[in-house]
């Protein structure tokens, strides 16, 4: 998966949802992503099981618990939307 690699920016209300089709430990890297992002990991019930702030260009994050979805979005959204582990999301 390419995810956000090679993009120069993303809109403020943008979110990329990656569906792994079953729960597993998901690793995300920031190589070739030139801007910071917030990262959410969700289980099959779409509940947040882990969340991270990722710096541009560097870093690797693996979910602390098995997750089905990874959501990449602009940095600052975790705080702006008051997201926390256990919250359920809908789409």
Protein backbone atom coordinates (compact mmCIF):
# COMPACT_ATOMS: atom_id res chain seq x y z
CA UNK A 1 0.00 0.00 0.00
CA UNK A 2 1.20 3.48 -0.80
CA UNK A 3 -0.96 5.36 1.72
CA UNK A 4 0.15 9.00 1.86
CA UNK A 5 3.63 8.49 0.45
CA UNK A 6 4.69 11.00 -2.22
CA UNK A 7 1.85 13.44 -1.53
CA UNK A 8 2.83 17.03 -0.77
CA UNK A 9 -0.12 17.71 1.52
CA UNK A 10 -3.68 16.64 2.32
CA UNK A 11 -6.82 18.72 2.98
CA UNK A 12 -7.71 19.50 6.60
CA UNK A 13 -10.82 17.28 6.60
CA UNK A 14 -9.14 14.39 4.73
CA UNK A 15 -8.82 10.88 6.12
CA UNK A 16 -7.37 7.81 4.40
CA UNK A 17 -8.92 4.59 5.70
CA UNK A 18 -6.83 1.45 5.18
CA UNK A 19 -8.84 -1.78 5.55
CA UNK A 20 -6.70 -4.84 6.30
CA UNK A 21 -9.80 -7.14 6.05
CA UNK A 22 -9.10 -8.84 9.41
CA UNK A 23 -7.60 -7.84 12.73
CA UNK A 24 -3.82 -7.95 12.91
CA UNK A 25 -0.91 -5.88 14.17
CA UNK A 26 -0.57 -3.07 11.62
CA UNK A 27 2.70 -1.27 10.96
CA UNK A 28 2.79 2.17 9.33
CA UNK A 29 5.97 4.02 8.30
CA UNK A 30 6.53 7.66 7.40
CA UNK A 31 9.09 7.23 4.64
CA UNK A 32 8.31 9.67 1.81
CA UNK A 33 5.53 11.36 3.80
CA UNK A 34 6.74 15.00 4.04
CA UNK A 35 4.18 16.23 6.59
CA UNK A 36 3.10 15.05 10.07
CA UNK A 37 -0.08 13.01 10.49
CA UNK A 38 -2.33 11.58 13.17
CA UNK A 39 -2.86 7.84 13.00
CA UNK A 40 -5.75 5.84 14.41
CA UNK A 41 -5.97 2.06 14.68
CA UNK A 42 -9.49 0.59 14.91
CA UNK A 43 -10.76 -2.94 15.53
CA UNK A 44 -13.48 -4.69 13.51
CA UNK A 45 -16.14 -2.84 15.53
CA UNK A 46 -14.53 0.46 14.44
CA UNK A 47 -13.44 1.26 17.98
CA UNK A 48 -10.10 3.01 18.45
CA UNK A 49 -7.55 0.60 19.95
CA UNK A 50 -4.48 2.83 19.52
CA UNK A 51 -3.62 6.33 18.30
CA UNK A 52 -0.39 8.07 17.40
CA UNK A 53 1.13 11.36 16.29
CA UNK A 54 3.60 10.70 13.46
CA UNK A 55 6.41 13.07 12.44
CA UNK A 56 7.21 13.80 8.80
CA UNK A 57 9.71 11.50 7.09
CA UNK A 58 10.65 9.47 10.14
CA UNK A 59 9.12 6.87 12.34
CA UNK A 60 7.37 3.55 12.31
CA UNK A 61 4.30 2.74 14.38
CA UNK A 62 2.86 -0.71 15.00
CA UNK A 63 -0.52 -0.99 16.66
CA UNK A 64 -0.37 -2.00 20.33
CA UNK A 65 -3.37 -4.29 19.77
CA UNK A 66 -4.67 -6.11 16.69
CA UNK A 67 -6.61 -3.75 14.44
CA UNK A 68 -8.54 -4.03 11.19
CA UNK A 69 -8.36 -0.39 10.11
CA UNK A 70 -5.67 2.27 10.09
CA UNK A 71 -6.76 5.86 9.51
CA UNK A 72 -4.23 8.47 8.41
CA UNK A 73 -5.30 12.11 8.75
CA UNK A 74 -3.79 15.58 9.14
CA UNK A 75 -1.85 16.21 12.33
CA UNK A 76 -3.88 17.82 15.11
CA UNK A 77 -7.15 15.99 14.44
CA UNK A 78 -6.83 13.75 17.49
CA UNK A 79 -6.90 16.82 19.76
CA UNK A 80 -9.38 18.86 17.69
CA UNK A 81 -11.90 16.04 17.66
CA UNK A 82 -11.06 14.86 21.22
CA UNK A 83 -10.48 11.28 20.01
CA UNK A 84 -9.44 8.64 22.54
CA UNK A 85 -9.02 4.89 22.85
CA UNK A 86 -12.42 3.21 23.06
CA UNK A 87 -14.25 5.77 20.89
CA UNK A 88 -16.24 4.25 18.02
CA UNK A 89 -16.20 5.85 14.56
CA UNK A 90 -18.74 5.62 11.76
CA UNK A 91 -18.38 5.95 8.00
